[in-house]
C-alpha atoms as a PDB file:
ATOM      1  CA  MET A   1    -277.813   5.703  74.339  1.00  0.00           C
ATOM      2  CA  ALA A   2    -274.446   5.073  72.890  1.00  0.00           C
ATOM      3  CA  ALA A   3    -272.251   2.636  74.675  1.00  0.00           C
ATOM      4  CA  ALA A   4    -269.426   4.495  77.382  1.00  0.00           C
ATOM      5  CA  GLU A   5    -266.310   5.742  75.868  1.00  0.00           C
ATOM      6  CA  GLN A   6    -263.284   3.801  77.480  1.00  0.00           C
ATOM      7  CA  THR A   7    -259.763   5.167  77.333  1.00  0.00           C
ATOM      8  CA  ALA A   8    -256.849   4.547  79.081  1.00  0.00           C
ATOM      9  CA  TYR A   9    -254.733   6.774  80.757  1.00  0.00           C
ATOM     10  CA  LYS A  10    -250.827   6.705  81.728  1.00  0.00           C
ATOM     11  CA  LEU A  11    -250.700   8.439  85.442  1.00  0.00           C
ATOM     12  CA  VAL A  12    -247.203   8.872  86.784  1.00  0.00           C
ATOM     13  CA  VAL A  13    -246.737   9.860  90.773  1.00  0.00           C
ATOM     14  CA  VAL A  14    -243.243  11.605  90.906  1.00  0.00           C
ATOM     15  CA  GLY A  15    -242.094  13.621  94.540  1.00  0.00           C
ATOM     16  CA  GLY A  16    -238.762  13.076  96.532  1.00  0.00           C
ATOM     17  CA  GLY A  17    -238.741  10.024  98.768  1.00  0.00           C
ATOM     18  CA  GLY A  18    -240.671   9.710 101.966  1.00  0.00           C
ATOM     19  CA  VAL A  19    -243.598  11.998 100.849  1.00  0.00           C
ATOM     20  CA  GLY A  20    -246.301   9.527 100.539  1.00  0.00           C
ATOM     21  CA  LYS A  21    -246.649   8.341  96.953  1.00  0.00           C
ATOM     22  CA  SER A  22    -247.204   5.235  97.700  1.00  0.00           C
ATOM     23  CA  ALA A  23    -249.643   5.734 100.329  1.00  0.00           C
ATOM     24  CA  LEU A  24    -251.247   7.906  97.971  1.00  0.00           C
ATOM     25  CA  THR A  25    -251.515   5.093  95.526  1.00  0.00           C
ATOM     26  CA  ILE A  26    -252.433   2.181  97.330  1.00  0.00           C
ATOM     27  CA  GLN A  27    -255.094   4.286  99.211  1.00  0.00           C
ATOM     28  CA  PHE A  28    -256.344   5.267  96.006  1.00  0.00           C
ATOM     29  CA  ILE A  29    -256.387   1.306  94.206  1.00  0.00           C
ATOM     30  CA  GLN A  30    -257.320  -0.685  97.243  1.00  0.00           C
ATOM     31  CA  SER A  31    -258.860   2.117  99.764  1.00  0.00           C
ATOM     32  CA  TYR A  32    -256.030   0.573 102.419  1.00  0.00           C
ATOM     33  CA  PHE A  33    -253.417   3.078 104.107  1.00  0.00           C
ATOM     34  CA  VAL A  34    -249.754   1.602 104.249  1.00  0.00           C
ATOM     35  CA  THR A  35    -248.056   2.108 107.866  1.00  0.00           C
ATOM     36  CA  ASP A  36    -244.902   0.910 107.038  1.00  0.00           C
ATOM     37  CA  TYR A  37    -242.444   2.650 104.617  1.00  0.00           C
ATOM     38  CA  ASP A  38    -240.773   0.663 102.451  1.00  0.00           C
ATOM     39  CA  PRO A  39    -239.063   2.816  99.399  1.00  0.00           C
ATOM     40  CA  THR A  40    -240.142   1.825  96.108  1.00  0.00           C
ATOM     41  CA  ILE A  41    -238.132   1.566  93.249  1.00  0.00           C
ATOM     42  CA  GLU A  42    -241.109   1.189  90.641  1.00  0.00           C
ATOM     43  CA  ASP A  43    -244.868  -0.074  91.108  1.00  0.00           C
ATOM     44  CA  SER A  44    -247.449  -0.220  88.672  1.00  0.00           C
ATOM     45  CA  TYR A  45    -251.340  -0.256  89.268  1.00  0.00           C
ATOM     46  CA  ARG A  46    -254.416  -0.466  87.227  1.00  0.00           C
ATOM     47  CA  LYS A  47    -258.106   0.607  88.373  1.00  0.00           C
ATOM     48  CA  GLN A  48    -261.114   0.870  86.180  1.00  0.00           C
ATOM     49  CA  CYS A  49    -262.962   4.199  87.002  1.00  0.00           C
ATOM     50  CA  VAL A  50    -265.899   6.762  86.190  1.00  0.00           C
ATOM     51  CA  ILE A  51    -265.075  10.295  86.075  1.00  0.00           C
ATOM     52  CA  ASP A  52    -267.459  12.236  84.682  1.00  0.00           C
ATOM     53  CA  ALA A  53    -269.766   9.107  83.228  1.00  0.00           C
ATOM     54  CA  ARG A  54    -266.862   8.141  81.603  1.00  0.00           C
ATOM     55  CA  VAL A  55    -264.984   4.914  82.020  1.00  0.00           C
ATOM     56  CA  GLY A  56    -261.239   5.389  82.391  1.00  0.00           C
ATOM     57  CA  ASN A  57    -258.692   2.825  82.763  1.00  0.00           C
ATOM     58  CA  LEU A  58    -255.856   4.439  84.732  1.00  0.00           C
ATOM     59  CA  ASP A  59    -252.418   2.673  84.373  1.00  0.00           C
ATOM     60  CA  ILE A  60    -250.635   4.224  87.439  1.00  0.00           C
ATOM     61  CA  LEU A  61    -246.989   4.333  87.909  1.00  0.00           C
ATOM     62  CA  ASP A  62    -245.512   4.693  91.308  1.00  0.00           C
ATOM     63  CA  THR A  63    -242.059   5.944  90.903  1.00  0.00           C
ATOM     64  CA  ALA A  64    -238.364   5.940  93.385  1.00  0.00           C
ATOM     65  CA  GLY A  65    -238.377   9.506  94.655  1.00  0.00           C
ATOM     66  CA  GLN A  66    -234.827   8.826  96.366  1.00  0.00           C
ATOM     67  CA  GLU A  67    -231.876   9.893  94.252  1.00  0.00           C
ATOM     68  CA  GLU A  68    -230.127   7.056  93.746  1.00  0.00           C
ATOM     69  CA  PHE A  69    -233.268   6.214  90.820  1.00  0.00           C
ATOM     70  CA  SER A  70    -233.199   9.559  89.241  1.00  0.00           C
ATOM     71  CA  ALA A  71    -231.563   7.955  86.224  1.00  0.00           C
ATOM     72  CA  MET A  72    -235.133   5.998  85.571  1.00  0.00           C
ATOM     73  CA  ARG A  73    -237.161   9.147  85.267  1.00  0.00           C
ATOM     74  CA  GLU A  74    -236.870  10.121  81.801  1.00  0.00           C
ATOM     75  CA  GLN A  75    -237.561   6.796  80.881  1.00  0.00           C
ATOM     76  CA  TYR A  76    -241.393   6.756  82.830  1.00  0.00           C
ATOM     77  CA  MET A  77    -241.410  10.372  81.520  1.00  0.00           C
ATOM     78  CA  ARG A  78    -241.473   9.907  78.224  1.00  0.00           C
ATOM     79  CA  SER A  79    -244.449   7.337  78.597  1.00  0.00           C
ATOM     80  CA  GLY A  80    -246.648   8.965  81.059  1.00  0.00           C
ATOM     81  CA  GLU A  81    -249.672  11.455  79.697  1.00  0.00           C
ATOM     82  CA  GLY A  82    -250.510  13.018  83.081  1.00  0.00           C
ATOM     83  CA  PHE A  83    -248.178  13.732  86.612  1.00  0.00           C
ATOM     84  CA  LEU A  84    -248.912  13.984  90.094  1.00  0.00           C
ATOM     85  CA  LEU A  85    -246.351  16.158  91.537  1.00  0.00           C
ATOM     86  CA  VAL A  86    -246.479  14.569  94.984  1.00  0.00           C
ATOM     87  CA  PHE A  87    -244.838  16.541  98.188  1.00  0.00           C
ATOM     88  CA  SER A  88    -245.357  16.657 101.874  1.00  0.00           C
ATOM     89  CA  VAL A  89    -246.588  19.477 103.937  1.00  0.00           C
ATOM     90  CA  ALA A  90    -244.133  18.451 106.375  1.00  0.00           C
ATOM     91  CA  ASP A  91    -241.006  18.542 104.603  1.00  0.00           C
ATOM     92  CA  LYS A  92    -240.368  21.612 103.102  1.00  0.00           C
ATOM     93  CA  LEU A  93    -236.924  19.670 100.997  1.00  0.00           C
ATOM     94  CA  SER A  94    -239.901  17.470  99.009  1.00  0.00           C
ATOM     95  CA  PHE A  95    -241.493  20.856  98.408  1.00  0.00           C
ATOM     96  CA  ASN A  96    -238.348  22.785  96.655  1.00  0.00           C
ATOM     97  CA  GLU A  97    -237.684  19.134  94.616  1.00  0.00           C
ATOM     98  CA  ILE A  98    -240.595  19.461  93.099  1.00  0.00           C
ATOM     99  CA  HIS A  99    -239.199  22.025  91.068  1.00  0.00           C
ATOM    100  CA  ASN A 100    -236.637  19.509  89.284  1.00  0.00           C
ATOM    101  CA  PHE A 101    -239.308  17.329  88.497  1.00  0.00           C
ATOM    102  CA  HIS A 102    -241.540  19.855  87.182  1.00  0.00           C
ATOM    103  CA  ARG A 103    -238.645  21.329  85.030  1.00  0.00           C
ATOM    104  CA  GLN A 104    -237.671  17.957  83.800  1.00  0.00           C
ATOM    105  CA  ILE A 105    -240.995  16.175  82.704  1.00  0.00           C
ATOM    106  CA  LEU A 106    -241.545  19.842  80.694  1.00  0.00           C
ATOM    107  CA  ARG A 107    -237.859  19.027  79.495  1.00  0.00           C
ATOM    108  CA  VAL A 108    -238.602  15.714  78.387  1.00  0.00           C
ATOM    109  CA  LYS A 109    -241.789  16.411  77.030  1.00  0.00           C
ATOM    110  CA  ASP A 110    -240.437  19.331  75.423  1.00  0.00           C
ATOM    111  CA  ARG A 111    -243.464  21.663  76.048  1.00  0.00           C
ATOM    112  CA  ASP A 112    -243.825  24.470  77.966  1.00  0.00           C
ATOM    113  CA  GLU A 113    -247.292  22.965  79.519  1.00  0.00           C
ATOM    114  CA  PHE A 114    -248.480  19.133  80.446  1.00  0.00           C
ATOM    115  CA  PRO A 115    -251.296  17.825  82.144  1.00  0.00           C
ATOM    116  CA  MET A 116    -250.109  17.991  85.961  1.00  0.00           C
ATOM    117  CA  ILE A 117    -251.550  18.345  89.324  1.00  0.00           C
ATOM    118  CA  LEU A 118    -249.423  19.168  92.265  1.00  0.00           C
ATOM    119  CA  VAL A 119    -250.526  17.518  95.548  1.00  0.00           C
ATOM    120  CA  GLY A 120    -249.629  18.556  99.106  1.00  0.00           C
ATOM    121  CA  ASN A 121    -249.998  14.783 100.858  1.00  0.00           C
ATOM    122  CA  LYS A 122    -250.025  14.914 104.897  1.00  0.00           C
ATOM    123  CA  CYS A 123    -252.549  17.479 105.152  1.00  0.00           C
ATOM    124  CA  ASP A 124    -253.451  15.845 108.214  1.00  0.00           C
ATOM    125  CA  LEU A 125    -250.617  17.066 109.689  1.00  0.00           C
ATOM    126  CA  GLU A 126    -251.068  20.521 112.183  1.00  0.00           C
ATOM    127  CA  ALA A 127    -248.462  22.925 113.052  1.00  0.00           C
ATOM    128  CA  PRO A 128    -245.710  22.883 113.763  1.00  0.00           C
ATOM    129  CA  THR A 129    -245.318  19.471 112.012  1.00  0.00           C
ATOM    130  CA  ARG A 130    -246.477  21.262 108.890  1.00  0.00           C
ATOM    131  CA  CYS A 131    -244.283  23.486 107.191  1.00  0.00           C
ATOM    132  CA  VAL A 132    -245.377  24.366 104.375  1.00  0.00           C
ATOM    133  CA  THR A 133    -248.046  26.174 103.878  1.00  0.00           C
ATOM    134  CA  MET A 134    -251.234  26.545 101.546  1.00  0.00           C
ATOM    135  CA  SER A 135    -250.399  29.503 100.551  1.00  0.00           C
ATOM    136  CA  GLU A 136    -246.510  28.680  99.326  1.00  0.00           C
ATOM    137  CA  ALA A 137    -248.140  25.624  97.766  1.00  0.00           C
ATOM    138  CA  LYS A 138    -250.859  27.687  95.470  1.00  0.00           C
ATOM    139  CA  ALA A 139    -247.977  29.933  94.260  1.00  0.00           C
ATOM    140  CA  MET A 140    -246.240  27.223  93.095  1.00  0.00           C
ATOM    141  CA  ALA A 141    -248.764  25.615  91.540  1.00  0.00           C
ATOM    142  CA  LYS A 142    -249.796  29.140  89.944  1.00  0.00           C
ATOM    143  CA  GLU A 143    -246.089  29.465  88.676  1.00  0.00           C
ATOM    144  CA  PHE A 144    -246.642  26.383  87.467  1.00  0.00           C
ATOM    145  CA  ASN A 145    -250.028  26.920  86.031  1.00  0.00           C
ATOM    146  CA  VAL A 146    -251.099  23.616  87.179  1.00  0.00           C
ATOM    147  CA  PRO A 147    -254.107  22.844  90.184  1.00  0.00           C
ATOM    148  CA  TYR A 148    -253.076  22.370  93.671  1.00  0.00           C
ATOM    149  CA  ILE A 149    -255.143  19.566  95.933  1.00  0.00           C
ATOM    150  CA  GLU A 150    -254.052  18.753  99.609  1.00  0.00           C
ATOM    151  CA  THR A 151    -254.235  14.936 100.521  1.00  0.00           C
ATOM    152  CA  SER A 152    -254.285  12.578 103.227  1.00  0.00           C
ATOM    153  CA  ALA A 153    -253.430   9.081 102.460  1.00  0.00           C
ATOM    154  CA  MET A 154    -254.271   8.178 105.728  1.00  0.00           C
ATOM    155  CA  LEU A 155    -257.561   9.622 106.293  1.00  0.00           C
ATOM    156  CA  LYS A 156    -258.368   9.266 102.660  1.00  0.00           C
ATOM    157  CA  VAL A 157    -258.491  12.816 102.156  1.00  0.00           C
ATOM    158  CA  ASN A 158    -259.149  14.198  98.603  1.00  0.00           C
ATOM    159  CA  VAL A 159    -256.913  10.628  97.219  1.00  0.00           C
ATOM    160  CA  ASP A 160    -259.778   9.946  94.604  1.00  0.00           C
ATOM    161  CA  GLN A 161    -260.076  13.573  93.710  1.00  0.00           C
ATOM    162  CA  ALA A 162    -256.377  14.141  93.044  1.00  0.00           C
ATOM    163  CA  PHE A 163    -256.107  11.165  90.417  1.00  0.00           C
ATOM    164  CA  TYR A 164    -259.563  12.285  89.250  1.00  0.00           C
ATOM    165  CA  ASP A 165    -258.450  15.876  88.321  1.00  0.00           C
ATOM    166  CA  LEU A 166    -255.643  14.682  86.906  1.00  0.00           C
ATOM    167  CA  VAL A 167    -257.745  12.601  84.188  1.00  0.00           C
ATOM    168  CA  ARG A 168    -260.048  15.681  83.797  1.00  0.00           C
ATOM    169  CA  LYS A 169    -256.913  17.668  82.656  1.00  0.00           C
ATOM    170  CA  ILE A 170    -255.152  14.731  80.582  1.00  0.00           C
ATOM    171  CA  ARG A 171    -258.570  14.948  78.807  1.00  0.00           C
ATOM    172  CA  GLU A 172    -258.618  18.720  78.062  1.00  0.00           C
ATOM    173  CA  PHE A 173    -254.940  18.576  77.127  1.00  0.00           C
ATOM    174  CA  GLN A 174    -256.036  15.751  74.569  1.00  0.00           C
ATOM    175  CA  LYS A 175    -258.674  17.700  73.523  1.00  0.00           C
ATOM    176  CA  TYR A 176    -256.745  20.558  72.593  1.00  0.00           C
ATOM    177  CA  ALA A 177    -254.159  19.332  71.327  1.00  0.00           C
ATOM    178  CA  GLU A 178    -255.829  16.694  68.382  1.00  0.00           C
ATOM    179  CA  PRO A 179    -255.522  18.137  65.032  1.00  0.00           C
ATOM    180  CA  GLN A 180    -259.054  19.763  64.105  1.00  0.00           C
ATOM    181  CA  ASN A 181    -261.012  17.328  61.296  1.00  0.00           C
ATOM    182  CA  THR A 182    -261.214  19.499  58.243  1.00  0.00           C
ATOM    183  CA  GLU A 183    -263.683  17.164  56.778  1.00  0.00           C
ATOM    184  CA  SER A 184    -267.605  17.697  56.407  1.00  0.00           C
ATOM    185  CA  PRO A 185    -269.778  15.308  57.185  1.00  0.00           C
ATOM    186  CA  GLY A 186    -270.050  14.625  53.307  1.00  0.00           C
ATOM    187  CA  GLY A 187    -266.681  13.647  52.975  1.00  0.00           C
ATOM    188  CA  SER A 188    -265.433  16.618  51.051  1.00  0.00           C
ATOM    189  CA  LYS A 189    -262.381  18.901  52.483  1.00  0.00           C
ATOM    190  CA  LYS A 190    -263.387  22.052  53.561  1.00  0.00           C
ATOM    191  CA  PRO A 191    -261.076  24.971  52.484  1.00  0.00           C
ATOM    192  CA  CYS A 192    -258.874  26.293  55.712  1.00  0.00           C
ATOM    193  CA  CYS A 193    -259.039  29.854  53.508  1.00  0.00           C
ATOM    194  CA  THR A 194    -260.316  31.224  50.692  1.00  0.00           C
ATOM    195  CA  VAL A 195    -257.941  33.057  47.745  1.00  0.00           C
ATOM    196  CA  LEU A 196    -260.022  35.995  46.573  1.00  0.00           C
END
């Protein structure tokens, strides 16, 4: 059997302040739930995972959600290969803010689509605390043409799955974004078209 392919992936966790971006990231990296809210400016983490029998080194950037740090966004958006768009199901404003993050990522990347996952965090909260419905979130995901997943950093529900699904989206994107190899096994180039 051939050696497992190993690749690095730059994942960026974005969303409004207080939605649980750091809690999700730390739960994924350290299997620990952070109870104290300490607004992040920018933290980076690294984790090696095996996803679908392929080794991946995940470089995860946990970003500031507060508006006063918005000037830093374009810098990390340029280097990111995939984005977790995180909102809290208990915070309608954080849900509405996702439109701005999505639009800015596509503008910075100069693309119509890019690897992203919409993440509704704090799914352990029930009504009346919960104010974003599953159908609203799925409608946004459909509008953005991205998958939607609900997570709970506190209960560790779908935390690993969210990060793994994003890596799968990046792999799929890279596979189709790469130029096709036009050389045959013998080394000569295959003709792209034939003129008769």
